[in-house]
Amino acid sequence: MRAVDIIARKRDGQTLTTEEIGFFVNGYVRGEIPDYQAAAWLMAVVLRGMDARETADLTLAMATSGRTLSLRSVAPVVADKHSSGGVGDKTTLVVAPLVAAAGLPVGKMSGRGLGFTGGTLDKLESIPGFEVSLSVDRFIAQVARCGVAISGQTAELAPADGLFYELRNATATVPSIPLIASSIMSKKLAAGADVIVLDVKVGRGAFMKDLGSARRLAELMVDVGRRAGRRVVAVLASMDQPLGYAVGNSLEVAEAVEALRGRGPADLRAHCVVLAAHMLLLGGCARDLSGARELARETLRSGRALARLREMVECQGGDPRVVDDPWAVLPRAPIVVPVAAPREGYVAGLDAEKVGLATLLLGAGRERKGAPIDHRVGVVLHKKVGDRVRPGEPLFTVHAADEASLHRATEEVLAAYSWSGYPVRRPRLVRGVIGAEAAISSE
């Protein structure tokens, strides 16, 4: 078997065998297949595509290219979730302790943000002392000890994904649904979770801009997970406007704490309950989605979810006072300026991508992998789609490190708003569910 023949077969639109895909993935990881051939193969996949079986084979080959975890020694069922990225998306900080407190252990490998979408690890590193780089053994031990762990992706798990991902970024081969699906799911399968809920964002502030593309990605990932013997559901969620009010690392941690207190933005709380309910149902903690939703809400009301966040923070070396008084420990920006509404009316639109780009200008995100970020800065929105606004009312507040970035970000966020003179309906957050409970309403 030769790499050049596999490249040619895919170039010509042929379907690759399981053996050919495994040969190519393992050969690249071992260094036997050079970057230039891997790049040619990736481009052939982008142009010719892959069917569901090929995508599943690619995912499994990548997942087994390194160490694969078994969490059966921890609990009979362990859950995980994944978000495809978005602006103001701090759901993991709420959902992971919530689900764990409701009785289903959660072991999650997370990533850092790139561009205007924030990363869970960056948010958690706002908490003084919080360790995001857990060894595999410590990760497993923490799931066993406190029922929840969130860690960075170790190089031991799915190394093929890390190699292909870097090459895709350098060769313009990122926009391929089979490659995106296999990248996401290979890490999820390698990390050992039995239950996986996928939060697939769609809209202006998401990688998938239209519902059709998001649905195809979700369906493919669910199919791959099921072929691998996992219980998987994908929730299609709107990302036309930011989720919640806070966008920026420390700001989002504080908002997540509020959500765990049963307060904070209604859209954030509602979406976290939806995701948690699907995880609890798949994990066997409830008989139906309605019961799972009520279990999630009761866990929030009782304070158990907030207590579990404290336990996780302590287990990972962070300052637990963040749960009692976030701003006693979280870093704060030196410049905090509220911006008044320029006109009267109703908010008709709030472009999530523009808000995300504003926080990038402030330093809350990174434009290249490994670049430093400022955990202090960001934007807190006061008005979103459907809200009535009067002239002079606070529209949003900018948290900045300097005057120059303050002014640039202010202009960007103002440009994100569009207006109507008439009442505007608040947008629906959940656009669909792919999986076992797809026919049951999630709102």
Protein backbone atom coordinates (compact mmCIF):
# COMPACT_ATOMS: atom_id res chain seq x y z
CA MET A 1 0.00 0.00 0.00
CA ARG A 2 1.38 3.43 -0.99
CA ALA A 3 0.39 6.89 0.20
CA VAL A 4 0.49 8.29 -3.35
CA ASP A 5 -2.07 5.73 -4.52
CA ILE A 6 -4.42 6.64 -1.64
CA ILE A 7 -4.09 10.33 -2.52
CA ALA A 8 -4.85 9.59 -6.17
CA ARG A 9 -7.91 7.48 -5.32
CA LYS A 10 -9.42 10.28 -3.23
CA ARG A 11 -8.41 12.88 -5.84
CA ASP A 12 -10.43 10.91 -8.37
CA GLY A 13 -13.48 10.79 -6.09
CA GLN A 14 -13.19 7.16 -5.06
CA THR A 15 -14.21 5.80 -1.67
CA LEU A 16 -11.28 4.78 0.52
CA THR A 17 -11.25 1.51 2.42
CA THR A 18 -10.92 1.23 6.19
CA GLU A 19 -7.43 -0.20 5.68
CA GLU A 20 -6.33 2.66 3.41
CA ILE A 21 -7.50 5.31 5.87
CA GLY A 22 -5.80 3.56 8.80
CA PHE A 23 -2.59 3.18 6.78
CA PHE A 24 -2.52 6.87 5.91
CA VAL A 25 -3.30 8.16 9.43
CA ASN A 26 -0.82 5.87 11.18
CA GLY A 27 1.87 6.48 8.59
CA TYR A 28 1.56 10.24 9.06
CA VAL A 29 1.73 9.99 12.85
CA ARG A 30 4.85 7.80 12.63
CA GLY A 31 6.52 10.28 10.27
CA GLU A 32 6.58 7.82 7.37
CA ILE A 33 4.23 10.00 5.29
CA PRO A 34 5.59 13.56 4.82
CA ASP A 35 3.65 16.79 5.25
CA TYR A 36 3.42 17.43 1.51
CA GLN A 37 1.60 14.14 0.91
CA ALA A 38 -0.66 14.64 3.93
CA ALA A 39 -1.49 18.14 2.65
CA ALA A 40 -2.35 16.76 -0.78
CA TRP A 41 -4.60 14.12 0.78
CA LEU A 42 -6.37 16.71 2.96
CA MET A 43 -7.04 18.90 -0.09
CA ALA A 44 -8.42 15.88 -1.95
CA VAL A 45 -10.80 15.25 0.98
CA VAL A 46 -11.90 18.91 0.98
CA LEU A 47 -12.65 18.79 -2.76
CA ARG A 48 -14.06 15.26 -3.03
CA GLY A 49 -15.55 14.72 0.42
CA MET A 50 -16.02 11.55 2.45
CA ASP A 51 -19.08 9.43 3.10
CA ALA A 52 -20.30 8.54 6.60
CA ARG A 53 -18.37 5.27 6.75
CA GLU A 54 -15.11 6.89 5.62
CA THR A 55 -15.58 9.67 8.18
CA ALA A 56 -16.19 7.14 10.95
CA ASP A 57 -13.07 5.19 9.91
CA LEU A 58 -11.00 8.37 9.86
CA THR A 59 -12.29 9.37 13.30
CA LEU A 60 -11.53 5.97 14.84
CA ALA A 61 -8.07 5.87 13.26
CA MET A 62 -7.31 9.30 14.72
CA ALA A 63 -8.80 8.40 18.12
CA THR A 64 -6.65 5.27 18.38
CA SER A 65 -3.47 6.95 17.13
CA GLY A 66 -2.43 7.47 20.76
CA ARG A 67 -3.63 6.56 24.22
CA THR A 68 -7.36 5.99 24.69
CA LEU A 69 -8.90 6.36 28.12
CA SER A 70 -11.29 4.03 29.87
CA LEU A 71 -13.30 5.66 32.63
CA ARG A 72 -15.17 2.50 33.61
CA SER A 73 -13.08 2.28 36.78
CA VAL A 74 -14.48 5.68 37.75
CA ALA A 75 -18.19 5.12 37.08
CA PRO A 76 -20.45 2.96 34.88
CA VAL A 77 -21.26 6.04 32.75
CA VAL A 78 -19.25 9.26 32.29
CA ALA A 79 -20.47 12.22 30.22
CA ASP A 80 -18.82 14.86 28.08
CA LYS A 81 -20.00 17.84 26.04
CA HIS A 82 -18.54 19.81 23.20
CA SER A 83 -19.36 23.24 21.84
CA SER A 84 -18.37 24.15 18.31
CA GLY A 85 -17.52 27.63 19.58
CA GLY A 86 -19.28 30.93 19.88
CA VAL A 87 -19.31 34.39 21.41
CA GLY A 88 -20.07 34.49 25.13
CA ASP A 89 -20.35 30.70 25.26
CA LYS A 90 -19.50 29.81 28.85
CA THR A 91 -21.88 26.83 29.01
CA THR A 92 -19.23 24.28 30.08
CA LEU A 93 -18.58 26.28 33.26
CA VAL A 94 -22.25 25.83 34.16
CA VAL A 95 -23.18 22.49 32.62
CA ALA A 96 -20.24 20.38 33.82
CA PRO A 97 -20.73 21.01 37.57
CA LEU A 98 -24.51 20.97 37.14
CA VAL A 99 -24.56 17.51 35.55
CA ALA A 100 -22.01 16.17 38.03
CA ALA A 101 -24.06 17.47 40.97
CA ALA A 102 -27.14 15.77 39.50
CA GLY A 103 -25.36 12.40 39.71
CA LEU A 104 -23.62 11.92 36.34
CA PRO A 105 -19.78 12.23 36.37
CA VAL A 106 -18.29 14.55 33.75
CA GLY A 107 -14.82 14.26 32.28
CA LYS A 108 -14.13 16.97 29.71
CA MET A 109 -11.08 17.75 27.64
CA SER A 110 -11.36 21.37 26.49
CA GLY A 111 -9.46 23.73 24.24
CA ARG A 112 -8.28 27.32 24.03
CA GLY A 113 -9.88 30.04 22.01
CA LEU A 114 -8.69 31.07 18.57
CA GLY A 115 -9.99 34.22 16.90
CA PHE A 116 -13.14 35.76 18.37
CA THR A 117 -14.49 32.54 19.93
CA GLY A 118 -13.47 32.10 23.55
CA GLY A 119 -11.93 28.91 24.90
CA THR A 120 -13.02 27.20 28.12
CA LEU A 121 -9.42 26.84 29.32
CA ASP A 122 -8.80 30.57 28.90
CA LYS A 123 -11.85 31.36 30.99
CA LEU A 124 -10.83 28.94 33.74
CA GLU A 125 -7.30 30.38 33.82
CA SER A 126 -8.90 33.67 34.92
CA ILE A 127 -9.31 31.98 38.31
CA PRO A 128 -6.06 32.41 40.29
CA GLY A 129 -4.22 29.12 40.68
CA PHE A 130 -6.54 27.06 38.49
CA GLU A 131 -4.61 24.27 36.74
CA VAL A 132 -5.87 23.34 33.30
CA SER A 133 -3.03 20.99 32.32
CA LEU A 134 -3.85 17.77 34.14
CA SER A 135 -2.01 14.55 33.41
CA VAL A 136 -4.17 11.68 32.20
CA ASP A 137 -3.85 9.90 35.54
CA ARG A 138 -4.75 13.03 37.52
CA PHE A 139 -7.68 13.69 35.20
CA ILE A 140 -9.09 10.21 35.86
CA ALA A 141 -8.44 10.51 39.61
CA GLN A 142 -10.26 13.84 39.78
CA VAL A 143 -13.33 12.53 37.97
CA ALA A 144 -13.37 9.69 40.52
CA ARG A 145 -12.86 12.06 43.47
CA CYS A 146 -15.20 14.97 42.79
CA GLY A 147 -17.22 13.79 39.80
CA VAL A 148 -16.01 16.45 37.39
CA ALA A 149 -12.76 17.50 35.73
CA ILE A 150 -12.03 19.97 32.91
CA SER A 151 -8.56 19.79 31.44
CA GLY A 152 -6.60 20.68 28.35
CA GLN A 153 -6.21 18.08 25.65
CA THR A 154 -3.11 16.04 26.42
CA ALA A 155 -0.72 15.18 23.58
CA GLU A 156 -1.15 11.51 24.47
CA LEU A 157 -4.74 11.54 23.22
CA ALA A 158 -5.50 11.55 19.48
CA PRO A 159 -2.06 12.86 18.37
CA ALA A 160 -3.12 12.45 14.74
CA ASP A 161 -5.70 15.18 15.25
CA GLY A 162 -3.08 17.62 16.54
CA LEU A 163 -0.85 16.95 13.52
CA PHE A 164 -3.64 17.18 10.97
CA TYR A 165 -5.16 20.25 12.63
CA GLU A 166 -1.93 22.22 12.42
CA LEU A 167 -1.47 21.19 8.79
CA ARG A 168 -5.07 22.11 7.94
CA ASN A 169 -4.57 25.60 9.32
CA ALA A 170 -1.47 26.04 7.14
CA THR A 171 -2.94 24.62 3.93
CA ALA A 172 -6.46 26.15 3.74
CA THR A 173 -8.10 22.76 4.34
CA VAL A 174 -10.11 23.64 7.46
CA PRO A 175 -13.60 24.03 5.86
CA SER A 176 -14.51 20.39 5.34
CA ILE A 177 -17.39 18.86 7.29
CA PRO A 178 -15.85 15.35 7.39
CA LEU A 179 -12.53 16.76 8.62
CA ILE A 180 -14.23 18.96 11.23
CA ALA A 181 -16.37 16.06 12.44
CA SER A 182 -13.44 13.66 12.71
CA SER A 183 -11.31 16.25 14.52
CA ILE A 184 -13.98 16.89 17.15
CA MET A 185 -15.10 13.30 17.61
CA SER A 186 -11.64 11.71 17.66
CA LYS A 187 -10.81 13.68 20.81
CA LYS A 188 -14.16 12.86 22.39
CA LEU A 189 -13.77 9.13 21.71
CA ALA A 190 -10.16 9.05 22.93
CA ALA A 191 -11.14 10.77 26.20
CA GLY A 192 -13.38 7.83 27.10
CA ALA A 193 -16.83 9.33 27.71
CA ASP A 194 -19.87 7.10 27.20
CA VAL A 195 -22.32 9.99 26.77
CA ILE A 196 -21.54 12.94 24.48
CA VAL A 197 -23.75 16.00 23.93
CA LEU A 198 -22.67 18.27 21.09
CA ASP A 199 -23.61 21.96 21.18
CA VAL A 200 -23.38 22.89 17.50
CA LYS A 201 -23.55 26.64 16.99
CA VAL A 202 -25.01 28.19 13.86
CA GLY A 203 -25.14 31.84 12.79
CA ARG A 204 -23.04 34.95 12.35
CA GLY A 205 -20.88 34.27 15.41
CA ALA A 206 -20.31 30.58 14.61
CA PHE A 207 -18.07 28.64 12.25
CA MET A 208 -21.19 27.18 10.61
CA LYS A 209 -23.06 30.21 9.26
CA ASP A 210 -26.18 28.44 7.93
CA LEU A 211 -28.53 25.89 9.43
CA GLY A 212 -28.05 23.37 6.61
CA SER A 213 -24.28 23.14 7.15
CA ALA A 214 -24.67 22.94 10.92
CA ARG A 215 -27.23 20.16 10.57
CA ARG A 216 -24.96 18.16 8.24
CA LEU A 217 -22.07 18.48 10.69
CA ALA A 218 -24.28 17.49 13.63
CA GLU A 219 -25.75 14.49 11.83
CA LEU A 220 -22.31 13.27 10.82
CA MET A 221 -20.88 13.57 14.34
CA VAL A 222 -23.87 11.78 15.86
CA ASP A 223 -23.47 8.99 13.29
CA VAL A 224 -19.74 8.67 14.01
CA GLY A 225 -20.37 8.49 17.76
CA ARG A 226 -23.02 5.84 17.40
CA ARG A 227 -20.80 3.73 15.14
CA ALA A 228 -18.24 3.86 17.95
CA GLY A 229 -20.81 2.66 20.47
CA ARG A 230 -21.37 6.00 22.24
CA ARG A 231 -24.66 7.68 23.16
CA VAL A 232 -24.67 11.00 21.30
CA VAL A 233 -27.08 13.91 20.84
CA ALA A 234 -26.40 17.18 19.01
CA VAL A 235 -28.22 20.41 19.84
CA LEU A 236 -28.30 23.05 17.10
CA ALA A 237 -28.09 26.44 18.81
CA SER A 238 -28.30 29.95 17.38
CA MET A 239 -25.19 32.12 17.57
CA ASP A 240 -26.45 35.19 15.71
CA GLN A 241 -26.14 37.18 18.94
CA PRO A 242 -23.86 36.41 21.92
CA LEU A 243 -25.00 33.92 24.54
CA GLY A 244 -25.65 35.69 27.83
CA TYR A 245 -24.43 39.23 28.44
CA ALA A 246 -20.72 38.84 29.22
CA VAL A 247 -18.04 38.34 26.54
CA GLY A 248 -14.50 38.08 27.88
CA ASN A 249 -12.76 35.59 30.14
CA SER A 250 -13.12 36.90 33.71
CA LEU A 251 -16.48 38.45 32.86
CA GLU A 252 -17.78 35.10 31.64
CA VAL A 253 -16.57 33.25 34.73
CA ALA A 254 -18.47 35.72 36.92
CA GLU A 255 -21.59 35.30 34.78
CA ALA A 256 -21.33 31.49 34.96
CA VAL A 257 -21.25 31.72 38.76
CA GLU A 258 -24.40 33.84 38.63
CA ALA A 259 -26.08 31.24 36.42
CA LEU A 260 -25.20 28.52 38.93
CA ARG A 261 -26.90 30.66 41.57
CA GLY A 262 -30.05 30.52 39.44
CA ARG A 263 -29.59 34.11 38.32
CA GLY A 264 -27.96 35.82 35.37
CA PRO A 265 -29.14 35.93 31.76
CA ALA A 266 -32.25 33.87 31.02
CA ASP A 267 -30.96 32.61 27.66
CA LEU A 268 -27.77 31.26 29.24
CA ARG A 269 -29.64 29.47 32.04
CA ALA A 270 -32.20 28.03 29.64
CA HIS A 271 -29.58 26.72 27.23
CA CYS A 272 -27.51 25.17 30.01
CA VAL A 273 -30.63 23.35 31.26
CA VAL A 274 -31.27 22.02 27.72
CA LEU A 275 -27.72 20.68 27.38
CA ALA A 276 -27.68 19.26 30.92
CA ALA A 277 -31.04 17.57 30.39
CA HIS A 278 -29.84 15.73 27.30
CA MET A 279 -26.69 14.60 29.12
CA LEU A 280 -28.70 13.37 32.11
CA LEU A 281 -31.19 11.54 29.91
CA LEU A 282 -28.48 9.79 27.89
CA GLY A 283 -26.72 8.95 31.15
CA GLY A 284 -29.79 7.19 32.54
CA CYS A 285 -30.50 9.72 35.30
CA ALA A 286 -34.07 10.37 34.13
CA ARG A 287 -36.81 8.48 32.30
CA ASP A 288 -37.58 11.19 29.76
CA LEU A 289 -36.41 14.63 28.68
CA SER A 290 -39.02 16.41 30.78
CA GLY A 291 -37.81 14.63 33.91
CA ALA A 292 -34.18 15.31 33.00
CA ARG A 293 -34.95 18.99 32.55
CA GLU A 294 -36.64 19.17 35.95
CA LEU A 295 -33.70 17.35 37.57
CA ALA A 296 -31.33 19.94 36.10
CA ARG A 297 -33.47 22.84 37.33
CA GLU A 298 -33.84 21.35 40.81
CA THR A 299 -30.06 20.84 41.02
CA LEU A 300 -29.59 24.52 40.23
CA ARG A 301 -32.23 25.63 42.76
CA SER A 302 -30.75 23.49 45.53
CA GLY A 303 -27.29 25.03 45.29
CA ARG A 304 -25.66 21.64 44.66
CA ALA A 305 -24.38 22.72 41.24
CA LEU A 306 -22.66 25.78 42.71
CA ALA A 307 -21.13 23.64 45.46
CA ARG A 308 -19.79 21.23 42.84
CA LEU A 309 -18.12 24.11 40.99
CA ARG A 310 -16.37 25.07 44.24
CA GLU A 311 -15.18 21.49 44.66
CA MET A 312 -13.84 21.37 41.10
CA VAL A 313 -12.01 24.68 41.53
CA GLU A 314 -10.42 23.44 44.76
CA CYS A 315 -9.44 20.11 43.18
CA GLN A 316 -7.67 21.93 40.37
CA GLY A 317 -5.80 24.36 42.63
CA GLY A 318 -7.98 27.41 42.06
CA ASP A 319 -9.15 29.98 44.58
CA PRO A 320 -12.61 28.76 45.76
CA ARG A 321 -13.60 32.29 46.79
CA VAL A 322 -14.53 32.79 43.13
CA VAL A 323 -17.77 30.95 43.93
CA ASP A 324 -18.67 33.29 46.83
CA ASP A 325 -17.51 36.62 45.45
CA PRO A 326 -16.08 36.39 41.92
CA TRP A 327 -14.72 39.92 41.84
CA ALA A 328 -12.78 39.39 45.05
CA VAL A 329 -10.39 37.16 43.11
CA LEU A 330 -10.90 37.61 39.35
CA PRO A 331 -8.65 40.12 37.54
CA ARG A 332 -10.35 43.41 36.65
CA ALA A 333 -9.71 45.77 33.75
CA PRO A 334 -8.37 49.23 34.72
CA ILE A 335 -10.84 51.04 32.43
CA VAL A 336 -14.58 50.31 32.69
CA VAL A 337 -16.83 52.57 30.61
CA PRO A 338 -20.62 52.26 30.07
CA VAL A 339 -21.75 53.28 26.58
CA ALA A 340 -25.15 54.95 26.19
CA ALA A 341 -27.69 53.99 23.56
CA PRO A 342 -27.49 56.39 20.60
CA ARG A 343 -31.21 56.26 19.83
CA GLU A 344 -34.62 55.05 20.92
CA GLY A 345 -36.19 51.87 19.60
CA TYR A 346 -36.00 48.11 19.80
CA VAL A 347 -32.89 46.02 19.23
CA ALA A 348 -33.53 44.19 15.95
CA GLY A 349 -30.13 42.52 15.66
CA LEU A 350 -26.87 42.11 17.55
CA ASP A 351 -24.11 40.69 15.37
CA ALA A 352 -22.22 38.16 17.48
CA GLU A 353 -19.21 38.21 15.18
CA LYS A 354 -18.78 41.98 15.53
CA VAL A 355 -19.01 41.74 19.33
CA GLY A 356 -16.45 38.94 19.26
CA LEU A 357 -14.14 41.02 17.07
CA ALA A 358 -14.49 43.89 19.54
CA THR A 359 -13.26 41.70 22.38
CA LEU A 360 -10.40 40.56 20.13
CA LEU A 361 -9.43 44.24 19.71
CA LEU A 362 -9.46 44.55 23.50
CA GLY A 363 -7.10 41.59 23.86
CA ALA A 364 -9.55 38.97 25.16
CA GLY A 365 -8.88 36.59 22.25
CA ARG A 366 -5.97 35.48 20.12
CA GLU A 367 -5.40 35.70 16.38
CA ARG A 368 -2.72 33.02 16.33
CA LYS A 369 -2.21 29.86 18.33
CA GLY A 370 -0.25 30.36 21.54
CA ALA A 371 -0.57 34.16 21.63
CA PRO A 372 -1.13 35.71 25.10
CA ILE A 373 -4.54 37.06 26.08
CA ASP A 374 -5.78 39.57 28.64
CA HIS A 375 -8.20 37.84 31.00
CA ARG A 376 -9.47 41.17 32.38
CA VAL A 377 -11.00 42.72 29.29
CA GLY A 378 -14.26 42.28 27.43
CA VAL A 379 -17.76 43.59 26.91
CA VAL A 380 -20.91 43.29 29.01
CA LEU A 381 -24.11 43.80 27.03
CA HIS A 382 -27.13 45.41 28.67
CA LYS A 383 -29.56 45.19 25.75
CA LYS A 384 -30.11 42.32 23.31
CA VAL A 385 -32.52 41.45 20.50
CA GLY A 386 -36.11 42.25 21.44
CA ASP A 387 -35.23 44.72 24.21
CA ARG A 388 -36.64 48.23 24.16
CA VAL A 389 -34.04 50.99 24.48
CA ARG A 390 -34.38 54.64 25.39
CA PRO A 391 -31.80 57.29 24.46
CA GLY A 392 -29.09 57.61 27.09
CA GLU A 393 -29.73 54.20 28.65
CA PRO A 394 -26.62 52.01 29.09
CA LEU A 395 -26.39 49.81 25.99
CA PHE A 396 -23.19 47.96 26.91
CA THR A 397 -20.09 48.39 29.08
CA VAL A 398 -16.53 48.03 27.82
CA HIS A 399 -13.78 46.67 30.10
CA ALA A 400 -10.48 47.79 28.55
CA ALA A 401 -6.77 47.89 29.29
CA ASP A 402 -6.15 51.23 27.53
CA GLU A 403 -7.96 54.12 25.88
CA ALA A 404 -7.06 53.18 22.31
CA SER A 405 -8.57 49.70 22.48
CA LEU A 406 -11.56 51.13 24.39
CA HIS A 407 -12.46 53.43 21.50
CA ARG A 408 -11.92 50.81 18.79
CA ALA A 409 -14.02 48.23 20.64
CA THR A 410 -16.79 50.75 21.37
CA GLU A 411 -17.14 51.54 17.66
CA GLU A 412 -17.23 47.84 16.77
CA VAL A 413 -19.95 46.98 19.30
CA LEU A 414 -22.07 50.00 18.30
CA ALA A 415 -21.85 48.77 14.70
CA ALA A 416 -23.07 45.33 15.84
CA TYR A 417 -26.50 46.72 16.79
CA SER A 418 -29.36 47.16 14.34
CA TRP A 419 -32.63 48.87 15.24
CA SER A 420 -36.36 48.82 14.71
CA GLY A 421 -39.08 51.30 15.57
CA TYR A 422 -41.46 48.42 16.32
CA PRO A 423 -41.40 45.55 18.83
CA VAL A 424 -39.13 42.66 17.81
CA ARG A 425 -39.65 39.03 18.78
CA ARG A 426 -36.86 37.50 20.84
CA PRO A 427 -35.03 34.85 18.80
CA ARG A 428 -35.34 31.15 19.44
CA LEU A 429 -32.09 29.72 20.79
CA VAL A 430 -32.46 26.00 20.02
CA ARG A 431 -32.87 25.39 16.28
CA GLY A 432 -33.12 21.61 16.40
CA VAL A 433 -31.91 18.42 18.06
CA ILE A 434 -30.23 15.50 16.30
CA GLY A 435 -30.39 12.21 18.19
CA ALA A 436 -32.64 9.90 20.15
CA GLU A 437 -34.87 12.64 21.57
CA ALA A 438 -34.98 14.80 18.46
CA ALA A 439 -38.77 14.59 18.25
CA ILE A 440 -39.22 15.97 21.78
CA SER A 441 -39.21 19.71 22.32
CA SER A 442 -36.11 21.05 24.05
CA GLU A 443 -37.54 24.37 25.19
